[in-house]
Amino acid sequence: MSGLSPRIERRVRADFEDADFVLALLRDWRISYEEEPPGERLVAAAVLCADGDLDELGRALDLAEMDWRDLLVAAGLADRDWPRRLEELLP
C-alpha cells in the first residue's frame, strides 16, 4: 500500500507545478532496502522537505535511500509528536 494519502496529494497539487508527475513518482517510489513501500509519514517527509521544488524532492528521496530516518529528521517528523505535526502541516 502506497503512503500517498489524500492529504499528501492535496499538498503536492498545491506545491508542485507538475503535480501529476510528482504524484506518479511518489506512487512508484520504493526504498531499495525496504520490503514495503514508504508509508504516509515518509512520503510526507519527502514532500515537506521538497517544498515544491522537484530538485529538492530528488534530494529527499536520495536521503531516504541512504537512511530513511535522516529524512524524517530533516522534515521534523522524527519525534514522538509526528502525528500531531503531520496534522498541522497536512490538514
N, C-alpha and C. Protein backbone atom coordinates (compact mmCIF):
# COMPACT_ATOMS: atom_id res chain seq x y z
N MET A 1 0.84 -1.19 0.00
CA MET A 1 0.00 0.00 0.00
C MET A 1 0.88 1.25 0.00
N SER A 2 0.62 2.12 -0.89
CA SER A 2 1.38 3.37 -1.01
C SER A 2 1.03 4.32 0.11
N GLY A 3 1.99 5.13 0.51
CA GLY A 3 1.77 6.13 1.54
C GLY A 3 1.22 7.43 0.98
N LEU A 4 0.74 7.38 -0.24
CA LEU A 4 0.23 8.58 -0.90
C LEU A 4 -1.23 8.79 -0.50
N SER A 5 -1.43 9.47 0.60
CA SER A 5 -2.77 9.71 1.14
C SER A 5 -3.43 10.91 0.45
N PRO A 6 -4.74 11.07 0.62
CA PRO A 6 -5.41 12.24 0.04
C PRO A 6 -4.82 13.57 0.52
N ARG A 7 -4.42 13.65 1.77
CA ARG A 7 -3.87 14.93 2.24
C ARG A 7 -2.50 15.21 1.64
N ILE A 8 -1.73 14.17 1.37
CA ILE A 8 -0.45 14.40 0.67
C ILE A 8 -0.71 14.80 -0.77
N GLU A 9 -1.67 14.15 -1.40
CA GLU A 9 -2.00 14.53 -2.77
C GLU A 9 -2.42 15.99 -2.85
N ARG A 10 -3.22 16.44 -1.89
CA ARG A 10 -3.63 17.86 -1.87
C ARG A 10 -2.41 18.77 -1.76
N ARG A 11 -1.46 18.40 -0.90
CA ARG A 11 -0.26 19.21 -0.69
C ARG A 11 0.59 19.24 -1.96
N VAL A 12 0.74 18.09 -2.60
CA VAL A 12 1.52 18.03 -3.84
C VAL A 12 0.87 18.93 -4.90
N ARG A 13 -0.43 18.86 -5.03
CA ARG A 13 -1.13 19.68 -6.03
C ARG A 13 -0.98 21.17 -5.73
N ALA A 14 -0.91 21.51 -4.45
CA ALA A 14 -0.73 22.92 -4.07
C ALA A 14 0.71 23.39 -4.26
N ASP A 15 1.67 22.49 -4.06
CA ASP A 15 3.09 22.88 -4.04
C ASP A 15 3.81 22.77 -5.38
N PHE A 16 3.44 21.80 -6.20
CA PHE A 16 4.23 21.49 -7.39
C PHE A 16 3.50 21.89 -8.68
N GLU A 17 4.25 22.51 -9.57
CA GLU A 17 3.69 22.90 -10.87
C GLU A 17 3.27 21.67 -11.67
N ASP A 18 4.12 20.64 -11.68
CA ASP A 18 3.82 19.40 -12.41
C ASP A 18 3.39 18.33 -11.42
N ALA A 19 2.27 18.57 -10.78
CA ALA A 19 1.79 17.70 -9.70
C ALA A 19 1.55 16.27 -10.16
N ASP A 20 1.03 16.09 -11.37
CA ASP A 20 0.76 14.73 -11.84
C ASP A 20 2.04 13.92 -11.94
N PHE A 21 3.10 14.54 -12.42
CA PHE A 21 4.40 13.86 -12.50
C PHE A 21 4.89 13.48 -11.10
N VAL A 22 4.81 14.41 -10.16
CA VAL A 22 5.27 14.15 -8.79
C VAL A 22 4.44 13.05 -8.15
N LEU A 23 3.13 13.07 -8.34
CA LEU A 23 2.28 12.04 -7.76
C LEU A 23 2.63 10.66 -8.33
N ALA A 24 2.87 10.59 -9.62
CA ALA A 24 3.27 9.31 -10.23
C ALA A 24 4.60 8.84 -9.67
N LEU A 25 5.54 9.77 -9.51
CA LEU A 25 6.84 9.44 -8.95
C LEU A 25 6.69 8.89 -7.53
N LEU A 26 5.89 9.55 -6.73
CA LEU A 26 5.70 9.11 -5.35
C LEU A 26 4.95 7.78 -5.26
N ARG A 27 4.02 7.55 -6.17
CA ARG A 27 3.31 6.26 -6.19
C ARG A 27 4.26 5.10 -6.45
N ASP A 28 5.25 5.36 -7.29
CA ASP A 28 6.20 4.30 -7.68
C ASP A 28 7.43 4.24 -6.78
N TRP A 29 7.59 5.20 -5.88
CA TRP A 29 8.80 5.29 -5.06
C TRP A 29 8.95 4.10 -4.13
N ARG A 30 10.14 3.53 -4.14
CA ARG A 30 10.50 2.45 -3.23
C ARG A 30 11.89 2.71 -2.69
N ILE A 31 12.14 2.33 -1.46
CA ILE A 31 13.46 2.38 -0.87
C ILE A 31 14.05 0.99 -1.04
N SER A 32 15.21 0.90 -1.65
CA SER A 32 15.74 -0.39 -2.08
C SER A 32 15.92 -1.41 -0.96
N TYR A 33 16.22 -0.97 0.23
CA TYR A 33 16.48 -1.91 1.32
C TYR A 33 15.24 -2.20 2.18
N GLU A 34 14.09 -1.70 1.78
CA GLU A 34 12.84 -1.95 2.50
C GLU A 34 11.93 -2.85 1.66
N GLU A 35 11.22 -3.74 2.32
CA GLU A 35 10.30 -4.63 1.61
C GLU A 35 9.01 -3.93 1.24
N GLU A 36 8.52 -3.09 2.12
CA GLU A 36 7.25 -2.39 1.91
C GLU A 36 7.50 -1.01 1.30
N PRO A 37 6.53 -0.51 0.54
CA PRO A 37 6.68 0.87 0.04
C PRO A 37 6.62 1.85 1.21
N PRO A 38 7.16 3.04 1.03
CA PRO A 38 7.15 4.02 2.12
C PRO A 38 5.72 4.36 2.54
N GLY A 39 5.53 4.51 3.84
CA GLY A 39 4.23 4.89 4.37
C GLY A 39 4.01 6.39 4.29
N GLU A 40 2.86 6.81 4.78
CA GLU A 40 2.48 8.22 4.69
C GLU A 40 3.51 9.14 5.35
N ARG A 41 4.03 8.75 6.48
CA ARG A 41 4.99 9.59 7.20
C ARG A 41 6.23 9.89 6.35
N LEU A 42 6.78 8.88 5.69
CA LEU A 42 7.96 9.08 4.85
C LEU A 42 7.64 9.87 3.58
N VAL A 43 6.52 9.56 2.96
CA VAL A 43 6.13 10.29 1.76
C VAL A 43 5.90 11.76 2.11
N ALA A 44 5.24 12.00 3.22
CA ALA A 44 5.01 13.37 3.67
C ALA A 44 6.34 14.06 3.94
N ALA A 45 7.28 13.37 4.56
CA ALA A 45 8.59 13.96 4.84
C ALA A 45 9.27 14.40 3.55
N ALA A 46 9.20 13.58 2.52
CA ALA A 46 9.82 13.94 1.24
C ALA A 46 9.14 15.16 0.64
N VAL A 47 7.83 15.19 0.66
CA VAL A 47 7.07 16.32 0.09
C VAL A 47 7.35 17.60 0.87
N LEU A 48 7.37 17.49 2.18
CA LEU A 48 7.61 18.68 3.01
C LEU A 48 9.03 19.21 2.82
N CYS A 49 10.00 18.33 2.74
CA CYS A 49 11.38 18.76 2.52
C CYS A 49 11.54 19.42 1.15
N ALA A 50 10.81 18.94 0.17
CA ALA A 50 10.92 19.47 -1.18
C ALA A 50 10.36 20.88 -1.30
N ASP A 51 9.29 21.17 -0.57
CA ASP A 51 8.69 22.50 -0.58
C ASP A 51 8.43 22.99 -2.01
N GLY A 52 7.90 22.09 -2.83
CA GLY A 52 7.51 22.47 -4.18
C GLY A 52 8.63 22.47 -5.22
N ASP A 53 9.81 22.05 -4.85
CA ASP A 53 10.97 22.06 -5.75
C ASP A 53 11.31 20.63 -6.15
N LEU A 54 11.26 20.36 -7.43
CA LEU A 54 11.49 18.99 -7.93
C LEU A 54 12.91 18.51 -7.63
N ASP A 55 13.89 19.40 -7.72
CA ASP A 55 15.26 19.01 -7.39
C ASP A 55 15.38 18.64 -5.91
N GLU A 56 14.72 19.40 -5.06
CA GLU A 56 14.75 19.11 -3.62
C GLU A 56 14.03 17.79 -3.33
N LEU A 57 12.98 17.49 -4.07
CA LEU A 57 12.30 16.21 -3.91
C LEU A 57 13.27 15.07 -4.23
N GLY A 58 14.02 15.22 -5.30
CA GLY A 58 15.02 14.21 -5.65
C GLY A 58 16.04 14.02 -4.54
N ARG A 59 16.47 15.13 -3.96
CA ARG A 59 17.44 15.04 -2.85
C ARG A 59 16.81 14.36 -1.64
N ALA A 60 15.54 14.63 -1.38
CA ALA A 60 14.85 13.98 -0.26
C ALA A 60 14.75 12.48 -0.48
N LEU A 61 14.43 12.07 -1.69
CA LEU A 61 14.34 10.64 -1.99
C LEU A 61 15.71 9.98 -1.90
N ASP A 62 16.74 10.69 -2.33
CA ASP A 62 18.11 10.17 -2.20
C ASP A 62 18.50 10.02 -0.74
N LEU A 63 18.12 10.99 0.07
CA LEU A 63 18.43 10.94 1.50
C LEU A 63 17.76 9.71 2.13
N ALA A 64 16.52 9.46 1.77
CA ALA A 64 15.82 8.29 2.30
C ALA A 64 16.49 7.00 1.86
N GLU A 65 17.05 6.99 0.67
CA GLU A 65 17.74 5.80 0.18
C GLU A 65 18.98 5.51 1.03
N MET A 66 19.64 6.57 1.51
CA MET A 66 20.81 6.37 2.38
C MET A 66 20.36 5.93 3.77
N ASP A 67 19.37 6.61 4.33
CA ASP A 67 18.81 6.25 5.64
C ASP A 67 17.51 7.03 5.82
N TRP A 68 16.40 6.32 5.79
CA TRP A 68 15.09 6.99 5.83
C TRP A 68 14.88 7.79 7.12
N ARG A 69 15.58 7.42 8.18
CA ARG A 69 15.44 8.16 9.44
C ARG A 69 15.97 9.58 9.30
N ASP A 70 16.99 9.76 8.47
CA ASP A 70 17.52 11.11 8.22
C ASP A 70 16.49 11.99 7.54
N LEU A 71 15.70 11.41 6.66
CA LEU A 71 14.63 12.17 6.01
C LEU A 71 13.59 12.62 7.03
N LEU A 72 13.24 11.73 7.96
CA LEU A 72 12.28 12.12 9.00
C LEU A 72 12.81 13.26 9.84
N VAL A 73 14.09 13.22 10.18
CA VAL A 73 14.71 14.30 10.96
C VAL A 73 14.66 15.60 10.16
N ALA A 74 15.03 15.55 8.89
CA ALA A 74 15.06 16.74 8.05
C ALA A 74 13.68 17.39 7.93
N ALA A 75 12.64 16.59 7.95
CA ALA A 75 11.27 17.10 7.81
C ALA A 75 10.63 17.46 9.14
N GLY A 76 11.31 17.18 10.24
CA GLY A 76 10.73 17.46 11.55
C GLY A 76 9.69 16.44 11.96
N LEU A 77 9.80 15.23 11.42
CA LEU A 77 8.82 14.18 11.71
C LEU A 77 9.44 12.99 12.42
N ALA A 78 10.56 13.21 13.11
CA ALA A 78 11.26 12.10 13.76
C ALA A 78 10.85 11.90 15.21
N ASP A 79 10.27 12.91 15.83
CA ASP A 79 9.93 12.82 17.25
C ASP A 79 8.57 12.18 17.47
N ARG A 80 8.28 11.93 18.72
CA ARG A 80 7.01 11.27 19.08
C ARG A 80 5.78 12.05 18.67
N ASP A 81 5.94 13.36 18.53
CA ASP A 81 4.78 14.19 18.19
C ASP A 81 4.52 14.24 16.69
N TRP A 82 5.15 13.34 15.92
CA TRP A 82 5.00 13.40 14.47
C TRP A 82 3.55 13.32 14.00
N PRO A 83 2.65 12.56 14.64
CA PRO A 83 1.26 12.56 14.13
C PRO A 83 0.61 13.95 14.24
N ARG A 84 0.89 14.64 15.34
CA ARG A 84 0.34 15.98 15.52
C ARG A 84 0.94 16.94 14.49
N ARG A 85 2.26 16.81 14.28
CA ARG A 85 2.92 17.67 13.29
C ARG A 85 2.36 17.44 11.89
N LEU A 86 2.09 16.18 11.56
CA LEU A 86 1.50 15.90 10.25
C LEU A 86 0.13 16.54 10.13
N GLU A 87 -0.65 16.47 11.18
CA GLU A 87 -1.98 17.11 11.19
C GLU A 87 -1.86 18.61 10.94
N GLU A 88 -0.87 19.23 11.57
CA GLU A 88 -0.65 20.67 11.40
C GLU A 88 -0.18 21.02 9.98
N LEU A 89 0.73 20.22 9.45
CA LEU A 89 1.34 20.51 8.17
C LEU A 89 0.51 20.05 6.97
N LEU A 90 -0.28 19.04 7.18
CA LEU A 90 -1.13 18.49 6.09
C LEU A 90 -2.56 18.37 6.58
N PRO A 91 -3.24 19.49 6.72
CA PRO A 91 -4.62 19.44 7.25
C PRO A 91 -5.58 18.71 6.33
